[in-house]
Amino acid sequence: MTETMNFSLTAAVCILIITRCTVTSTHPECSIILHLQKKEDECKLRMNAAASLNTTAGCVMEWDGVSCWPAVSEGDVVSVHCPLPLLKPGSPPVLISRRCTVRGWSKPSVPYYEACYYEAFDGDEDMGTEKRYFDTLRLIYSVGYGVSLAALLVAALLFCCFRKLLCRRNCIHLNLFVTFMLRSLSVFIKDSVLFADQSTDHCTVSSPQCKAAVTFFHFCVLSNFSWLLVEGLYLQTLLLFTVTQTRTLFWIHATVGWDFVGTPSVAVVVWALMKKQLDDEGCWDNLESRLWWIIKTPILLSIFMNFLIFLNISRIIAQKSKATRVNQNEPHLYRRLVRSTLLLIPLFGLHYVVFALFPEHVGVRPRLCFELVFGSFQGFLVALLYCFLNEEVRKEIQRALRRRWPETNTNAVNLPAQEDVP
């Protein structure tokens, strides 16, 4: 009877948490399962120690799936508090009592699901709705990363095929394309490793494969943010410095954004070594760990530096547009200014500023929708704006078509020109 109750209780908690955990690469709610696992290990050690002493009592020490009950004499009553990780937010501590009888431990005076997490059992309908929501979200961002990966691959091939396009600016674009492709691949690899088997307990699973997948994912994300920052820094140097100075700064930016001496590699290696030594639990995907700041700090710095660069570039664009307005009417000037400014948003990843300062557990649903959905299509937007609609790329394609088919009138398929740099 007690074993059946323990199994049902633990299974219900696991189902609830796993449903919430299979959305992103991390799941803070799994701290409940890890807490129970830790308490169970401590209880088993005490049980083994009590067994070695050959102590006799009315009721032996017992782990019921949530709490560890000590060995007591017949007739004694023991009370324990509801574990804090399971307690409803804002609720006072609840005492749960059990009596030692002739037949063994009695049932708890208050069921755990009422005392601790009654709100979690509102019904299968709410759980099913939440699961469908997360499944839909995962499908959308999978499609987004797939579309981005395909578009970026074509864009990278175009830059590599036409050597005339490989100027310093387009080389930076090409490196950014590569980081977006790696980020998309890392998402698919991580999902295939972590969530391929729906019966897997994602809160306690720990394997070298899943740790490697999460580590690779963090490296790709950091590299992507580093090259987004490089894009901002280089575009600002084009507006502020001479051509000679930009050549030197280009290699400095490339070193920071890429290669094995760059920020992504250093941060990920330090994080992985410290996780192995200090927090080697699960698949290393717990955002509640303090070690997460080793990864998060460079990302936040990149986001806010790009935001400041965006404001400065917008100011420079506005000043230059006003200074060069000769025979131009005001509406045309402002349209050009707005278009040039909007083109910088996907290039700098400015949409991440919206939730950058919020804790990970605040606004989970809006954050997931905004960052996962929009972020998954960011690579596609960058490839579209800075390759497919790039006037230089269009002209090179037209020249290639004229050389291949001289009689073809390529002017008939011209697309509207799109400026690459404001």
Protein backbone atom coordinates (compact mmCIF):
# COMPACT_ATOMS: atom_id res chain seq x y z
CA MET A 1 0.00 0.00 0.00
CA THR A 2 2.75 2.42 0.98
CA GLU A 3 4.87 1.49 -2.06
CA THR A 4 1.91 2.13 -4.38
CA MET A 5 1.32 5.53 -2.82
CA ASN A 6 5.02 6.43 -3.11
CA PHE A 7 5.16 5.38 -6.76
CA SER A 8 2.02 7.34 -7.70
CA LEU A 9 3.22 10.42 -5.85
CA THR A 10 6.68 10.44 -7.43
CA ALA A 11 5.32 9.64 -10.89
CA ALA A 12 2.84 12.53 -10.73
CA VAL A 13 5.56 15.00 -9.75
CA CYS A 14 7.90 13.71 -12.49
CA ILE A 15 5.21 13.93 -15.18
CA LEU A 16 4.40 17.51 -14.21
CA ILE A 17 8.02 18.63 -14.15
CA ILE A 18 9.15 16.73 -17.25
CA THR A 19 6.28 18.29 -19.19
CA ARG A 20 7.61 21.71 -18.28
CA CYS A 21 11.24 20.71 -18.80
CA THR A 22 11.12 19.53 -22.41
CA VAL A 23 10.83 23.00 -23.90
CA THR A 24 14.22 24.60 -23.58
CA SER A 25 17.74 23.46 -22.95
CA THR A 26 17.29 24.08 -19.23
CA HIS A 27 14.63 23.48 -16.62
CA PRO A 28 14.86 25.18 -13.21
CA GLU A 29 11.81 23.20 -12.03
CA CYS A 30 13.97 20.07 -12.08
CA SER A 31 15.59 21.36 -8.89
CA ILE A 32 12.61 19.72 -7.12
CA ILE A 33 13.54 16.29 -8.43
CA LEU A 34 17.23 16.88 -7.70
CA HIS A 35 16.33 18.00 -4.16
CA LEU A 36 14.33 14.81 -3.56
CA GLN A 37 17.12 12.70 -5.02
CA LYS A 38 19.66 14.32 -2.70
CA LYS A 39 17.43 13.79 0.35
CA GLU A 40 16.84 10.16 -0.65
CA ASP A 41 20.59 9.52 -0.85
CA GLU A 42 21.08 11.08 2.60
CA CYS A 43 18.25 8.97 4.02
CA LYS A 44 19.68 5.75 2.56
CA LEU A 45 23.06 6.49 4.13
CA ARG A 46 21.39 6.92 7.51
CA MET A 47 19.38 3.72 6.97
CA ASN A 48 22.56 1.78 6.21
CA ALA A 49 24.23 3.21 9.31
CA ALA A 50 21.22 2.26 11.46
CA ALA A 51 21.18 -1.26 9.99
CA SER A 52 24.88 -1.77 10.79
CA LEU A 53 24.20 -0.91 14.46
CA ASN A 54 21.49 -3.62 14.64
CA THR A 55 19.14 -1.28 16.47
CA THR A 56 15.60 -2.46 17.03
CA ALA A 57 12.56 -0.22 17.23
CA GLY A 58 8.87 -0.31 16.62
CA CYS A 59 9.23 1.27 13.17
CA VAL A 60 12.39 1.31 11.11
CA MET A 61 13.74 4.32 9.27
CA GLU A 62 11.86 4.80 5.98
CA TRP A 63 12.00 6.92 2.84
CA ASP A 64 8.50 7.46 1.45
CA GLY A 65 9.49 9.27 -1.73
CA VAL A 66 9.40 12.77 -0.19
CA SER A 67 10.54 12.65 3.47
CA CYS A 68 12.86 10.53 5.59
CA TRP A 69 11.11 9.12 8.68
CA PRO A 70 13.40 8.15 11.60
CA ALA A 71 13.28 4.89 13.53
CA VAL A 72 10.97 5.25 16.56
CA SER A 73 9.21 3.11 19.13
CA GLU A 74 5.65 1.90 18.83
CA GLY A 75 3.12 4.58 19.67
CA ASP A 76 5.41 7.52 18.90
CA VAL A 77 4.24 10.28 16.56
CA VAL A 78 6.73 12.00 14.24
CA SER A 79 6.07 15.27 12.40
CA VAL A 80 8.04 16.70 9.49
CA HIS A 81 7.69 19.90 7.50
CA CYS A 82 6.63 19.90 3.89
CA PRO A 83 9.89 20.24 1.87
CA LEU A 84 10.36 23.87 0.88
CA PRO A 85 10.92 23.20 -2.86
CA LEU A 86 7.48 21.54 -2.95
CA LEU A 87 5.67 24.14 -0.86
CA LYS A 88 3.16 26.37 -2.60
CA PRO A 89 4.48 29.96 -2.98
CA GLY A 90 3.36 32.15 -0.10
CA SER A 91 2.06 29.25 1.99
CA PRO A 92 3.17 28.76 5.62
CA PRO A 93 5.13 25.60 6.48
CA VAL A 94 2.86 22.60 6.84
CA LEU A 95 3.44 19.80 9.35
CA ILE A 96 2.83 16.23 8.20
CA SER A 97 2.56 13.59 10.95
CA ARG A 98 2.79 9.79 11.02
CA ARG A 99 2.29 7.38 13.94
CA CYS A 100 4.24 4.21 14.57
CA THR A 101 1.69 1.39 15.00
CA VAL A 102 1.85 -2.35 15.42
CA ARG A 103 1.55 -2.72 11.65
CA GLY A 104 4.22 -0.13 10.94
CA TRP A 105 4.01 3.47 9.85
CA SER A 106 0.55 4.97 9.44
CA LYS A 107 -0.48 7.07 6.47
CA PRO A 108 0.49 10.78 6.55
CA SER A 109 -1.97 12.97 8.42
CA VAL A 110 -2.19 15.24 5.35
CA PRO A 111 -1.51 13.94 1.83
CA TYR A 112 1.58 15.49 0.26
CA TYR A 113 -0.30 16.67 -2.81
CA GLU A 114 -2.62 18.70 -0.56
CA ALA A 115 -0.01 20.01 1.85
CA CYS A 116 2.75 20.83 -0.61
CA TYR A 117 1.77 21.05 -4.25
CA TYR A 118 -1.98 20.85 -4.46
CA GLU A 119 -2.02 23.44 -7.27
CA ALA A 120 0.03 21.10 -9.44
CA PHE A 121 -2.90 18.70 -9.61
CA ASP A 122 -5.51 20.97 -11.14
CA GLY A 123 -6.31 18.34 -13.74
CA ASP A 124 -5.05 16.57 -16.79
CA GLU A 125 -6.66 19.17 -19.04
CA ASP A 126 -4.34 21.99 -17.90
CA MET A 127 -1.32 19.72 -18.19
CA GLY A 128 -2.37 18.66 -21.67
CA THR A 129 -2.88 22.29 -22.73
CA GLU A 130 0.56 23.22 -21.45
CA LYS A 131 2.17 20.29 -23.24
CA ARG A 132 0.44 21.17 -26.53
CA TYR A 133 1.62 24.77 -26.17
CA PHE A 134 5.23 23.73 -25.67
CA ASP A 135 5.06 21.16 -28.48
CA THR A 136 3.76 23.85 -30.84
CA LEU A 137 6.47 26.26 -29.74
CA ARG A 138 9.14 23.65 -30.30
CA LEU A 139 7.77 22.88 -33.76
CA ILE A 140 7.84 26.58 -34.71
CA TYR A 141 11.41 27.19 -33.60
CA SER A 142 12.52 23.94 -35.26
CA VAL A 143 11.05 25.19 -38.56
CA GLY A 144 12.68 28.59 -37.98
CA TYR A 145 16.13 27.14 -37.40
CA GLY A 146 15.70 24.82 -40.38
CA VAL A 147 14.75 27.70 -42.71
CA SER A 148 17.60 29.82 -41.33
CA LEU A 149 20.11 27.00 -41.81
CA ALA A 150 19.10 26.46 -45.44
CA ALA A 151 19.12 30.19 -46.29
CA LEU A 152 22.46 30.78 -44.56
CA LEU A 153 24.05 27.82 -46.34
CA VAL A 154 23.02 29.23 -49.74
CA ALA A 155 24.21 32.70 -48.74
CA ALA A 156 27.59 31.37 -47.59
CA LEU A 157 28.02 29.45 -50.87
CA LEU A 158 27.26 32.61 -52.85
CA PHE A 159 29.91 34.59 -50.96
CA CYS A 160 32.45 31.79 -51.46
CA CYS A 161 31.68 31.29 -55.17
CA PHE A 162 32.04 34.97 -56.08
CA ARG A 163 35.52 36.01 -54.95
CA LYS A 164 34.82 39.68 -55.69
CA LEU A 165 32.31 39.69 -52.85
CA LEU A 166 34.86 38.72 -50.21
CA CYS A 167 35.71 42.21 -48.99
CA ARG A 168 36.29 42.78 -45.27
CA ARG A 169 32.67 43.68 -44.63
CA ASN A 170 31.34 40.57 -46.38
CA CYS A 171 33.97 38.41 -44.66
CA ILE A 172 32.48 39.50 -41.34
CA HIS A 173 29.01 38.73 -42.72
CA LEU A 174 30.27 35.28 -43.78
CA ASN A 175 31.63 34.53 -40.31
CA LEU A 176 28.33 35.64 -38.81
CA PHE A 177 26.50 33.30 -41.22
CA VAL A 178 28.70 30.43 -40.04
CA THR A 179 27.88 31.11 -36.37
CA PHE A 180 24.16 31.19 -37.16
CA MET A 181 24.49 27.86 -38.98
CA LEU A 182 26.41 26.35 -36.06
CA ARG A 183 23.77 27.67 -33.66
CA SER A 184 20.99 26.02 -35.68
CA LEU A 185 22.91 22.74 -35.84
CA SER A 186 23.59 22.82 -32.11
CA VAL A 187 19.88 23.25 -31.38
CA PHE A 188 19.01 20.19 -33.47
CA ILE A 189 21.83 18.18 -31.90
CA LYS A 190 20.82 19.19 -28.38
CA ASP A 191 17.15 18.36 -28.97
CA SER A 192 18.00 15.01 -30.54
CA VAL A 193 20.20 14.06 -27.57
CA LEU A 194 18.01 15.39 -24.75
CA PHE A 195 14.50 14.81 -26.04
CA ALA A 196 14.70 11.93 -28.53
CA ASP A 197 13.29 9.49 -25.97
CA GLN A 198 10.12 10.91 -24.43
CA SER A 199 10.27 8.32 -21.63
CA THR A 200 13.61 9.67 -20.40
CA ASP A 201 13.64 11.47 -17.06
CA HIS A 202 15.13 14.75 -18.24
CA CYS A 203 15.61 15.97 -14.70
CA THR A 204 18.05 13.27 -13.62
CA VAL A 205 19.57 12.06 -16.89
CA SER A 206 23.33 12.55 -17.02
CA SER A 207 25.58 11.27 -19.79
CA PRO A 208 28.72 12.43 -21.61
CA GLN A 209 26.64 12.83 -24.79
CA CYS A 210 24.12 15.24 -23.29
CA LYS A 211 26.85 17.23 -21.50
CA ALA A 212 28.82 17.52 -24.73
CA ALA A 213 25.67 18.61 -26.62
CA VAL A 214 24.90 21.35 -24.07
CA THR A 215 28.54 22.50 -24.04
CA PHE A 216 28.62 22.69 -27.84
CA PHE A 217 25.32 24.59 -27.80
CA HIS A 218 26.72 27.20 -25.38
CA PHE A 219 29.85 27.61 -27.50
CA CYS A 220 27.77 28.22 -30.64
CA VAL A 221 25.52 30.71 -28.87
CA LEU A 222 28.50 32.60 -27.45
CA SER A 223 30.21 32.64 -30.86
CA ASN A 224 27.03 33.98 -32.43
CA PHE A 225 26.73 36.82 -29.92
CA SER A 226 30.44 37.59 -30.29
CA TRP A 227 30.11 37.99 -34.06
CA LEU A 228 26.96 40.07 -33.65
CA LEU A 229 29.12 42.38 -31.54
CA VAL A 230 31.88 42.30 -34.18
CA GLU A 231 29.32 43.40 -36.79
CA GLY A 232 28.41 46.37 -34.62
CA LEU A 233 31.98 47.32 -33.85
CA TYR A 234 33.12 47.05 -37.47
CA LEU A 235 30.18 49.03 -38.82
CA GLN A 236 30.93 51.77 -36.31
CA THR A 237 34.61 51.84 -37.36
CA LEU A 238 33.54 52.29 -40.99
CA LEU A 239 31.65 55.39 -39.97
CA LEU A 240 34.29 56.82 -37.64
CA PHE A 241 37.76 55.82 -38.85
CA THR A 242 39.83 55.79 -42.02
CA VAL A 243 40.30 52.78 -44.30
CA THR A 244 43.85 52.15 -43.00
CA GLN A 245 42.66 52.02 -39.40
CA THR A 246 39.81 49.62 -40.22
CA ARG A 247 42.25 47.06 -41.65
CA THR A 248 44.00 46.70 -38.29
CA LEU A 249 40.76 46.73 -36.33
CA PHE A 250 39.33 44.01 -38.59
CA TRP A 251 41.87 41.45 -37.36
CA ILE A 252 41.36 42.51 -33.75
CA HIS A 253 37.61 42.03 -34.13
CA ALA A 254 38.10 38.65 -35.82
CA THR A 255 40.30 37.47 -32.95
CA VAL A 256 37.71 38.50 -30.37
CA GLY A 257 34.78 36.97 -32.22
CA TRP A 258 36.32 33.73 -33.38
CA ASP A 259 39.29 31.37 -33.15
CA PHE A 260 40.42 29.47 -30.09
CA VAL A 261 41.78 32.53 -28.33
CA GLY A 262 38.49 34.36 -28.56
CA THR A 263 35.94 34.99 -25.82
CA PRO A 264 33.58 32.07 -26.65
CA SER A 265 36.24 29.37 -26.32
CA VAL A 266 37.72 30.77 -23.12
CA ALA A 267 34.33 31.22 -21.43
CA VAL A 268 33.05 27.77 -22.41
CA VAL A 269 36.27 25.98 -21.38
CA VAL A 270 36.29 27.72 -17.97
CA TRP A 271 32.58 26.96 -17.51
CA ALA A 272 32.96 23.29 -18.46
CA LEU A 273 35.94 22.75 -16.14
CA MET A 274 34.14 24.38 -13.20
CA LYS A 275 30.94 22.44 -13.90
CA LYS A 276 32.94 19.20 -13.89
CA GLN A 277 34.59 20.04 -10.58
CA LEU A 278 31.83 21.85 -8.67
CA ASP A 279 28.43 21.08 -10.19
CA ASP A 280 28.59 17.84 -12.15
CA GLU A 281 24.85 17.12 -12.07
CA GLY A 282 22.41 16.33 -14.83
CA CYS A 283 23.23 17.55 -18.32
CA TRP A 284 24.83 20.82 -17.18
CA ASP A 285 21.73 22.75 -18.26
CA ASN A 286 20.64 24.28 -14.96
CA LEU A 287 20.29 28.05 -15.28
CA GLU A 288 19.87 28.42 -11.52
CA SER A 289 23.52 27.52 -10.97
CA ARG A 290 25.86 30.43 -10.20
CA LEU A 291 28.26 29.03 -12.79
CA TRP A 292 25.73 30.02 -15.46
CA TRP A 293 26.99 33.61 -15.10
CA ILE A 294 30.25 32.55 -16.77
CA ILE A 295 28.18 32.06 -19.95
CA LYS A 296 25.57 34.74 -19.34
CA THR A 297 27.94 37.65 -18.59
CA PRO A 298 29.61 37.76 -22.06
CA ILE A 299 26.16 37.46 -23.67
CA LEU A 300 24.78 40.39 -21.66
CA LEU A 301 27.86 42.48 -22.41
CA SER A 302 27.46 41.76 -26.12
CA ILE A 303 23.77 42.66 -26.07
CA PHE A 304 24.19 45.98 -24.28
CA MET A 305 27.33 47.00 -26.15
CA ASN A 306 25.49 46.39 -29.42
CA PHE A 307 22.55 48.40 -28.10
CA LEU A 308 24.83 51.36 -27.35
CA ILE A 309 26.51 50.99 -30.74
CA PHE A 310 23.07 50.90 -32.38
CA LEU A 311 22.11 54.18 -30.71
CA ASN A 312 25.41 55.78 -31.74
CA ILE A 313 25.16 54.56 -35.35
CA SER A 314 21.57 55.77 -35.57
CA ARG A 315 22.76 59.18 -34.39
CA ILE A 316 25.57 59.22 -36.97
CA ILE A 317 23.17 58.15 -39.75
CA ALA A 318 20.75 60.91 -38.81
CA GLN A 319 23.50 63.54 -38.79
CA LYS A 320 24.97 62.44 -42.12
CA SER A 321 21.55 62.22 -43.73
CA LYS A 322 20.72 65.78 -42.70
CA ALA A 323 24.15 67.05 -43.75
CA THR A 324 23.87 65.58 -47.28
CA ARG A 325 20.25 66.38 -48.05
CA VAL A 326 20.62 68.21 -51.31
CA ASN A 327 17.57 68.31 -53.59
CA GLN A 328 15.88 65.79 -51.33
CA ASN A 329 12.52 66.22 -49.73
CA GLU A 330 11.95 65.47 -46.05
CA PRO A 331 9.76 62.33 -46.49
CA HIS A 332 12.44 60.64 -48.63
CA LEU A 333 15.09 61.51 -46.05
CA TYR A 334 13.16 60.03 -43.14
CA ARG A 335 12.20 56.92 -45.11
CA ARG A 336 15.87 56.28 -45.85
CA LEU A 337 16.79 56.90 -42.21
CA VAL A 338 14.11 54.54 -40.90
CA ARG A 339 15.05 51.84 -43.40
CA SER A 340 18.75 52.06 -42.57
CA THR A 341 18.02 51.89 -38.84
CA LEU A 342 15.62 48.95 -39.09
CA LEU A 343 18.20 46.98 -41.08
CA LEU A 344 20.50 47.05 -38.06
CA ILE A 345 18.04 45.33 -35.70
CA PRO A 346 18.47 41.71 -36.92
CA LEU A 347 22.18 42.31 -37.57
CA PHE A 348 22.80 43.41 -33.97
CA GLY A 349 20.31 41.03 -32.30
CA LEU A 350 18.62 43.94 -30.53
CA HIS A 351 15.47 41.95 -29.77
CA TYR A 352 17.37 40.25 -26.93
CA VAL A 353 17.45 43.56 -25.03
CA VAL A 354 13.74 43.18 -24.16
CA PHE A 355 14.31 40.37 -21.60
CA ALA A 356 18.04 40.75 -20.97
CA LEU A 357 17.75 42.09 -17.40
CA PHE A 358 14.88 39.85 -16.28
CA PRO A 359 15.62 36.70 -14.24
CA GLU A 360 15.23 33.41 -16.08
CA HIS A 361 11.99 32.50 -14.26
CA VAL A 362 10.22 35.82 -14.98
CA GLY A 363 7.91 36.00 -18.00
CA VAL A 364 8.75 32.48 -19.18
CA ARG A 365 6.04 32.21 -21.83
CA PRO A 366 6.55 35.66 -23.43
CA ARG A 367 10.32 35.13 -23.28
CA LEU A 368 10.06 31.74 -24.99
CA CYS A 369 7.78 33.07 -27.72
CA PHE A 370 9.83 36.17 -28.37
CA GLU A 371 13.36 34.79 -28.12
CA LEU A 372 12.86 31.28 -29.49
CA VAL A 373 10.49 32.12 -32.34
CA PHE A 374 12.05 35.40 -33.45
CA GLY A 375 15.55 34.18 -32.65
CA SER A 376 15.10 31.06 -34.77
CA PHE A 377 14.26 33.18 -37.85
CA GLN A 378 17.00 35.74 -37.16
CA GLY A 379 19.50 33.86 -39.32
CA PHE A 380 17.05 33.84 -42.22
CA LEU A 381 16.50 37.61 -41.91
CA VAL A 382 20.24 38.27 -41.82
CA ALA A 383 20.81 36.11 -44.94
CA LEU A 384 17.91 37.80 -46.71
CA LEU A 385 18.92 41.38 -45.92
CA TYR A 386 22.68 41.09 -46.27
CA CYS A 387 22.99 38.58 -49.10
CA PHE A 388 19.90 37.88 -51.18
CA LEU A 389 18.83 41.56 -51.26
CA ASN A 390 22.41 42.86 -51.36
CA GLU A 391 22.99 44.89 -54.53
CA GLU A 392 26.58 43.65 -54.88
CA VAL A 393 25.44 40.02 -54.79
CA ARG A 394 22.67 40.70 -57.31
CA LYS A 395 25.11 42.32 -59.73
CA GLU A 396 27.58 39.42 -59.48
CA ILE A 397 24.77 36.94 -60.16
CA GLN A 398 23.67 38.98 -63.17
CA ARG A 399 27.23 39.05 -64.56
CA ALA A 400 27.52 35.31 -64.11
CA LEU A 401 24.22 34.77 -65.91
CA ARG A 402 25.31 37.02 -68.79
CA ARG A 403 28.56 35.07 -69.16
CA ARG A 404 26.70 31.76 -69.07
CA TRP A 405 23.80 32.82 -71.29
CA PRO A 406 24.74 36.02 -73.17
CA GLU A 407 21.39 36.17 -74.88
CA THR A 408 19.49 36.16 -71.55
CA ASN A 409 17.99 39.48 -70.60
CA THR A 410 18.74 39.48 -66.90
CA ASN A 411 17.28 42.94 -66.50
CA ALA A 412 13.86 41.36 -66.74
CA VAL A 413 14.31 39.66 -63.39
CA ASN A 414 15.85 42.53 -61.47
CA LEU A 415 14.83 42.85 -57.83
CA PRO A 416 14.57 46.12 -55.92
CA ALA A 417 18.01 47.20 -54.75
CA GLN A 418 18.80 46.80 -51.10
CA GLU A 419 21.65 48.66 -49.42
CA ASP A 420 23.97 46.53 -47.30
CA VAL A 421 25.48 49.28 -45.19
CA PRO A 422 23.52 52.39 -44.19
